[in-house]
Amino acid sequence: MALHNLKIIIVDGGRAGSYKSKNAGGENNDGEKKDYKNTPLYKMMHAKEIIKNKVQSGMTPATVFAMDMGIRVASQLIKQTANYYISDIGRKNGDSNYQALINRQLEVVSEPLSVIGSALSGAAAGSMFGPIGAGIGAVIGTVSSSISLGFKYAERQRDYQHEMFKQNTSQVYNLSRANYSALTGRVR
């Protein structure tokens, strides 16, 4: 029976590379750890956190909180005030079609602004990867917003076609009823 030496290595907390072994073939230093937070993949996966940290780095937590709440309250006040006054124009004039025209004019203004906002948001998110990343982010933001608008208008077109079909069918039915009544002298 042969006796073999058994070597037991205990690793602190499972951190590989944090121990030294004479027989391991090389030495690992604790100081040689890679900083994974500076890699592009980490930045992409934690974009919101990185942007937030860069913005907040020069501010106190109280200032950040106050600024965030101020922006939220101001934007809510502006949106609700505009909605309150704009949604009442048709009722004041007694014309619901006029209200629909105003809503459409607001859409004409807000939709391009939405696409521009998406492009800027994408560029801001991609800017952590440099100018090329900002360009790619802007393109992706624009495409995403454009796809959303495209489906919105496709659905509107489908609804319009359905309404036209119902109106045409109703018109044909009423005309055939009127012709039948004229031929027979009876009103149905």
C-alpha atoms as a PDB file:
ATOM      1  CA  MET A   1       0.000   0.000   0.000  1.00  0.00           C
ATOM      2  CA  ALA A   2       1.388   3.362  -1.056  1.00  0.00           C
ATOM      3  CA  LEU A   3       0.968   6.486   0.954  1.00  0.00           C
ATOM      4  CA  HIS A   4       0.113   9.711  -0.862  1.00  0.00           C
ATOM      5  CA  ASN A   5       0.401  13.199   0.451  1.00  0.00           C
ATOM      6  CA  LEU A   6      -2.945  14.978   0.594  1.00  0.00           C
ATOM      7  CA  LYS A   7      -2.937  18.748   0.358  1.00  0.00           C
ATOM      8  CA  ILE A   8      -5.988  20.730   1.554  1.00  0.00           C
ATOM      9  CA  ILE A   9      -6.372  24.336   0.459  1.00  0.00           C
ATOM     10  CA  ILE A  10      -8.894  26.535   2.251  1.00  0.00           C
ATOM     11  CA  VAL A  11     -10.162  29.500   0.282  1.00  0.00           C
ATOM     12  CA  ASP A  12     -11.563  32.426   2.244  1.00  0.00           C
ATOM     13  CA  GLY A  13     -15.196  32.906   1.264  1.00  0.00           C
ATOM     14  CA  GLY A  14     -14.752  31.167  -2.072  1.00  0.00           C
ATOM     15  CA  ARG A  15     -12.750  34.010  -3.594  1.00  0.00           C
ATOM     16  CA  ALA A  16     -10.469  32.359  -6.095  1.00  0.00           C
ATOM     17  CA  GLY A  17      -7.093  34.000  -6.442  1.00  0.00           C
ATOM     18  CA  SER A  18      -7.010  35.365  -2.929  1.00  0.00           C
ATOM     19  CA  TYR A  19      -4.633  32.738  -1.580  1.00  0.00           C
ATOM     20  CA  LYS A  20      -1.059  31.761  -2.341  1.00  0.00           C
ATOM     21  CA  SER A  21       0.120  28.274  -2.955  1.00  0.00           C
ATOM     22  CA  LYS A  22       3.699  27.146  -3.452  1.00  0.00           C
ATOM     23  CA  ASN A  23       2.688  24.250  -5.690  1.00  0.00           C
ATOM     24  CA  ALA A  24      -0.024  26.013  -7.737  1.00  0.00           C
ATOM     25  CA  GLY A  25       2.366  26.940 -10.540  1.00  0.00           C
ATOM     26  CA  GLY A  26       2.074  30.708 -10.069  1.00  0.00           C
ATOM     27  CA  GLU A  27       1.359  33.242  -7.442  1.00  0.00           C
ATOM     28  CA  ASN A  28      -1.842  35.244  -7.239  1.00  0.00           C
ATOM     29  CA  ASN A  29      -1.790  38.638  -5.617  1.00  0.00           C
ATOM     30  CA  ASP A  30      -4.783  40.321  -4.098  1.00  0.00           C
ATOM     31  CA  GLY A  31      -3.691  43.557  -5.764  1.00  0.00           C
ATOM     32  CA  GLU A  32      -4.060  42.131  -9.288  1.00  0.00           C
ATOM     33  CA  LYS A  33      -7.880  42.058  -9.304  1.00  0.00           C
ATOM     34  CA  LYS A  34      -9.562  43.456 -12.391  1.00  0.00           C
ATOM     35  CA  ASP A  35     -11.953  46.373 -12.068  1.00  0.00           C
ATOM     36  CA  TYR A  36     -15.018  45.066 -13.908  1.00  0.00           C
ATOM     37  CA  LYS A  37     -16.957  48.271 -13.332  1.00  0.00           C
ATOM     38  CA  ASN A  38     -14.975  50.010 -16.083  1.00  0.00           C
ATOM     39  CA  THR A  39     -15.837  47.487 -18.803  1.00  0.00           C
ATOM     40  CA  PRO A  40     -18.321  48.475 -21.534  1.00  0.00           C
ATOM     41  CA  LEU A  41     -20.554  45.481 -20.781  1.00  0.00           C
ATOM     42  CA  TYR A  42     -20.896  46.444 -17.122  1.00  0.00           C
ATOM     43  CA  LYS A  43     -21.620  50.050 -18.122  1.00  0.00           C
ATOM     44  CA  MET A  44     -24.279  48.937 -20.555  1.00  0.00           C
ATOM     45  CA  MET A  45     -25.969  46.605 -18.064  1.00  0.00           C
ATOM     46  CA  HIS A  46     -25.937  49.254 -15.305  1.00  0.00           C
ATOM     47  CA  ALA A  47     -26.477  52.385 -17.427  1.00  0.00           C
ATOM     48  CA  LYS A  48     -29.119  53.934 -15.205  1.00  0.00           C
ATOM     49  CA  GLU A  49     -26.969  53.521 -12.102  1.00  0.00           C
ATOM     50  CA  ILE A  50     -23.865  54.966 -13.787  1.00  0.00           C
ATOM     51  CA  ILE A  51     -25.705  58.012 -15.155  1.00  0.00           C
ATOM     52  CA  LYS A  52     -27.325  58.587 -11.783  1.00  0.00           C
ATOM     53  CA  ASN A  53     -23.965  58.372 -10.000  1.00  0.00           C
ATOM     54  CA  LYS A  54     -22.330  60.840 -12.401  1.00  0.00           C
ATOM     55  CA  VAL A  55     -25.135  63.354 -11.964  1.00  0.00           C
ATOM     56  CA  GLN A  56     -25.235  62.953  -8.193  1.00  0.00           C
ATOM     57  CA  SER A  57     -21.477  63.002  -7.655  1.00  0.00           C
ATOM     58  CA  GLY A  58     -21.366  66.784  -7.185  1.00  0.00           C
ATOM     59  CA  MET A  59     -24.569  67.103  -5.142  1.00  0.00           C
ATOM     60  CA  THR A  60     -25.679  66.270  -1.666  1.00  0.00           C
ATOM     61  CA  PRO A  61     -28.471  63.696  -1.277  1.00  0.00           C
ATOM     62  CA  ALA A  62     -30.856  66.406  -0.089  1.00  0.00           C
ATOM     63  CA  THR A  63     -30.174  68.508  -3.202  1.00  0.00           C
ATOM     64  CA  VAL A  64     -30.711  65.516  -5.478  1.00  0.00           C
ATOM     65  CA  PHE A  65     -33.989  64.651  -3.764  1.00  0.00           C
ATOM     66  CA  ALA A  66     -35.220  68.247  -3.866  1.00  0.00           C
ATOM     67  CA  MET A  67     -34.293  68.638  -7.521  1.00  0.00           C
ATOM     68  CA  ASP A  68     -35.955  65.345  -8.481  1.00  0.00           C
ATOM     69  CA  MET A  69     -39.181  66.170  -6.648  1.00  0.00           C
ATOM     70  CA  GLY A  70     -39.203  69.717  -8.028  1.00  0.00           C
ATOM     71  CA  ILE A  71     -38.894  68.481 -11.598  1.00  0.00           C
ATOM     72  CA  ARG A  72     -41.643  65.900 -11.101  1.00  0.00           C
ATOM     73  CA  VAL A  73     -44.082  68.361  -9.529  1.00  0.00           C
ATOM     74  CA  ALA A  74     -43.392  71.051 -12.140  1.00  0.00           C
ATOM     75  CA  SER A  75     -43.867  68.682 -15.060  1.00  0.00           C
ATOM     76  CA  GLN A  76     -47.081  67.296 -13.565  1.00  0.00           C
ATOM     77  CA  LEU A  77     -48.436  70.824 -13.007  1.00  0.00           C
ATOM     78  CA  ILE A  78     -47.648  71.880 -16.573  1.00  0.00           C
ATOM     79  CA  LYS A  79     -49.183  68.747 -18.108  1.00  0.00           C
ATOM     80  CA  GLN A  80     -52.348  68.870 -16.000  1.00  0.00           C
ATOM     81  CA  THR A  81     -52.873  72.601 -16.600  1.00  0.00           C
ATOM     82  CA  ALA A  82     -52.471  72.197 -20.353  1.00  0.00           C
ATOM     83  CA  ASN A  83     -54.797  69.188 -20.372  1.00  0.00           C
ATOM     84  CA  TYR A  84     -57.431  71.063 -18.336  1.00  0.00           C
ATOM     85  CA  TYR A  85     -57.567  74.065 -20.642  1.00  0.00           C
ATOM     86  CA  ILE A  86     -57.165  72.194 -23.916  1.00  0.00           C
ATOM     87  CA  SER A  87     -59.801  69.549 -23.181  1.00  0.00           C
ATOM     88  CA  ASP A  88     -62.455  72.233 -22.574  1.00  0.00           C
ATOM     89  CA  ILE A  89     -62.139  74.119 -25.881  1.00  0.00           C
ATOM     90  CA  GLY A  90     -64.671  71.986 -27.748  1.00  0.00           C
ATOM     91  CA  ARG A  91     -67.261  72.191 -24.972  1.00  0.00           C
ATOM     92  CA  LYS A  92     -66.941  75.991 -24.740  1.00  0.00           C
ATOM     93  CA  ASN A  93     -67.600  76.309 -28.458  1.00  0.00           C
ATOM     94  CA  GLY A  94     -70.183  73.526 -28.585  1.00  0.00           C
ATOM     95  CA  ASP A  95     -68.296  71.717 -31.314  1.00  0.00           C
ATOM     96  CA  SER A  96     -66.799  68.283 -30.699  1.00  0.00           C
ATOM     97  CA  ASN A  97     -65.198  68.255 -34.155  1.00  0.00           C
ATOM     98  CA  TYR A  98     -63.334  71.429 -33.236  1.00  0.00           C
ATOM     99  CA  GLN A  99     -61.978  69.633 -30.161  1.00  0.00           C
ATOM    100  CA  ALA A 100     -60.862  66.728 -32.366  1.00  0.00           C
ATOM    101  CA  LEU A 101     -59.034  69.162 -34.665  1.00  0.00           C
ATOM    102  CA  ILE A 102     -57.240  70.746 -31.706  1.00  0.00           C
ATOM    103  CA  ASN A 103     -56.236  67.321 -30.370  1.00  0.00           C
ATOM    104  CA  ARG A 104     -54.867  66.419 -33.792  1.00  0.00           C
ATOM    105  CA  GLN A 105     -52.837  69.650 -33.942  1.00  0.00           C
ATOM    106  CA  LEU A 106     -51.373  68.800 -30.545  1.00  0.00           C
ATOM    107  CA  GLU A 107     -50.439  65.343 -31.852  1.00  0.00           C
ATOM    108  CA  VAL A 108     -48.728  66.900 -34.855  1.00  0.00           C
ATOM    109  CA  VAL A 109     -46.518  68.885 -32.482  1.00  0.00           C
ATOM    110  CA  SER A 110     -45.997  66.260 -29.766  1.00  0.00           C
ATOM    111  CA  GLU A 111     -45.127  63.273 -31.991  1.00  0.00           C
ATOM    112  CA  PRO A 112     -41.997  64.783 -33.591  1.00  0.00           C
ATOM    113  CA  LEU A 113     -40.961  66.018 -30.145  1.00  0.00           C
ATOM    114  CA  SER A 114     -41.395  62.458 -28.867  1.00  0.00           C
ATOM    115  CA  VAL A 115     -39.106  61.112 -31.608  1.00  0.00           C
ATOM    116  CA  ILE A 116     -36.526  63.808 -30.866  1.00  0.00           C
ATOM    117  CA  GLY A 117     -36.742  63.069 -27.137  1.00  0.00           C
ATOM    118  CA  SER A 118     -36.206  59.363 -27.772  1.00  0.00           C
ATOM    119  CA  ALA A 119     -33.179  60.131 -29.931  1.00  0.00           C
ATOM    120  CA  LEU A 120     -31.692  62.362 -27.230  1.00  0.00           C
ATOM    121  CA  SER A 121     -32.382  59.768 -24.558  1.00  0.00           C
ATOM    122  CA  GLY A 122     -30.725  57.069 -26.644  1.00  0.00           C
ATOM    123  CA  ALA A 123     -27.743  59.331 -27.305  1.00  0.00           C
ATOM    124  CA  ALA A 124     -27.384  60.055 -23.590  1.00  0.00           C
ATOM    125  CA  ALA A 125     -27.474  56.363 -22.759  1.00  0.00           C
ATOM    126  CA  GLY A 126     -24.964  55.528 -25.480  1.00  0.00           C
ATOM    127  CA  SER A 127     -22.624  58.406 -24.667  1.00  0.00           C
ATOM    128  CA  MET A 128     -20.860  56.350 -22.002  1.00  0.00           C
ATOM    129  CA  PHE A 129     -19.300  54.426 -24.909  1.00  0.00           C
ATOM    130  CA  GLY A 130     -18.046  57.572 -26.603  1.00  0.00           C
ATOM    131  CA  PRO A 131     -19.268  59.418 -29.704  1.00  0.00           C
ATOM    132  CA  ILE A 132     -19.936  56.230 -31.640  1.00  0.00           C
ATOM    133  CA  GLY A 133     -22.062  54.901 -28.801  1.00  0.00           C
ATOM    134  CA  ALA A 134     -23.986  58.172 -28.664  1.00  0.00           C
ATOM    135  CA  GLY A 135     -24.703  57.932 -32.398  1.00  0.00           C
ATOM    136  CA  ILE A 136     -25.831  54.327 -32.145  1.00  0.00           C
ATOM    137  CA  GLY A 137     -27.991  55.156 -29.116  1.00  0.00           C
ATOM    138  CA  ALA A 138     -29.616  58.055 -30.976  1.00  0.00           C
ATOM    139  CA  VAL A 139     -30.391  55.831 -33.957  1.00  0.00           C
ATOM    140  CA  ILE A 140     -31.858  53.104 -31.742  1.00  0.00           C
ATOM    141  CA  GLY A 141     -33.980  55.649 -29.835  1.00  0.00           C
ATOM    142  CA  THR A 142     -35.279  57.130 -33.085  1.00  0.00           C
ATOM    143  CA  VAL A 143     -36.075  53.738 -34.584  1.00  0.00           C
ATOM    144  CA  SER A 144     -37.852  52.588 -31.429  1.00  0.00           C
ATOM    145  CA  SER A 145     -40.037  55.694 -31.286  1.00  0.00           C
ATOM    146  CA  SER A 146     -40.742  55.528 -35.031  1.00  0.00           C
ATOM    147  CA  ILE A 147     -41.844  51.897 -34.781  1.00  0.00           C
ATOM    148  CA  SER A 148     -44.258  52.832 -32.010  1.00  0.00           C
ATOM    149  CA  LEU A 149     -45.731  55.655 -34.102  1.00  0.00           C
ATOM    150  CA  GLY A 150     -45.938  53.400 -37.151  1.00  0.00           C
ATOM    151  CA  PHE A 151     -48.026  50.844 -35.292  1.00  0.00           C
ATOM    152  CA  LYS A 152     -50.212  53.631 -33.858  1.00  0.00           C
ATOM    153  CA  TYR A 153     -51.034  54.895 -37.353  1.00  0.00           C
ATOM    154  CA  ALA A 154     -51.475  51.377 -38.738  1.00  0.00           C
ATOM    155  CA  GLU A 155     -54.066  50.702 -36.038  1.00  0.00           C
ATOM    156  CA  ARG A 156     -55.829  53.967 -36.844  1.00  0.00           C
ATOM    157  CA  GLN A 157     -55.913  53.045 -40.526  1.00  0.00           C
ATOM    158  CA  ARG A 158     -57.383  49.634 -39.697  1.00  0.00           C
ATOM    159  CA  ASP A 159     -60.074  51.247 -37.510  1.00  0.00           C
ATOM    160  CA  TYR A 160     -60.894  53.728 -40.272  1.00  0.00           C
ATOM    161  CA  GLN A 161     -61.241  50.935 -42.848  1.00  0.00           C
ATOM    162  CA  HIS A 162     -63.569  49.040 -40.512  1.00  0.00           C
ATOM    163  CA  GLU A 163     -65.751  52.120 -39.940  1.00  0.00           C
ATOM    164  CA  MET A 164     -65.951  52.761 -43.684  1.00  0.00           C
ATOM    165  CA  PHE A 165     -66.968  49.124 -44.258  1.00  0.00           C
ATOM    166  CA  LYS A 166     -69.748  49.428 -41.656  1.00  0.00           C
ATOM    167  CA  GLN A 167     -71.012  52.685 -43.170  1.00  0.00           C
ATOM    168  CA  ASN A 168     -70.986  51.300 -46.709  1.00  0.00           C
ATOM    169  CA  THR A 169     -72.784  48.145 -45.605  1.00  0.00           C
ATOM    170  CA  SER A 170     -75.420  50.179 -43.772  1.00  0.00           C
ATOM    171  CA  GLN A 171     -75.877  52.451 -46.783  1.00  0.00           C
ATOM    172  CA  VAL A 172     -76.324  49.524 -49.180  1.00  0.00           C
ATOM    173  CA  TYR A 173     -78.837  47.920 -46.807  1.00  0.00           C
ATOM    174  CA  ASN A 174     -80.891  51.122 -46.486  1.00  0.00           C
ATOM    175  CA  LEU A 175     -80.864  51.663 -50.257  1.00  0.00           C
ATOM    176  CA  SER A 176     -82.024  48.106 -50.923  1.00  0.00           C
ATOM    177  CA  ARG A 177     -84.820  48.546 -48.381  1.00  0.00           C
ATOM    178  CA  ALA A 178     -85.905  51.794 -50.020  1.00  0.00           C
ATOM    179  CA  ASN A 179     -85.908  50.157 -53.474  1.00  0.00           C
ATOM    180  CA  TYR A 180     -87.930  47.191 -52.201  1.00  0.00           C
ATOM    181  CA  SER A 181     -90.477  49.558 -50.634  1.00  0.00           C
ATOM    182  CA  ALA A 182     -90.764  51.541 -53.859  1.00  0.00           C
ATOM    183  CA  LEU A 183     -91.367  48.392 -55.899  1.00  0.00           C
ATOM    184  CA  THR A 184     -93.913  46.777 -53.598  1.00  0.00           C
ATOM    185  CA  GLY A 185     -95.556  49.861 -52.169  1.00  0.00           C
ATOM    186  CA  ARG A 186     -95.063  48.548 -48.658  1.00  0.00           C
ATOM    187  CA  VAL A 187     -92.894  50.071 -46.018  1.00  0.00           C
ATOM    188  CA  ARG A 188     -90.958  47.575 -44.025  1.00  0.00           C
END
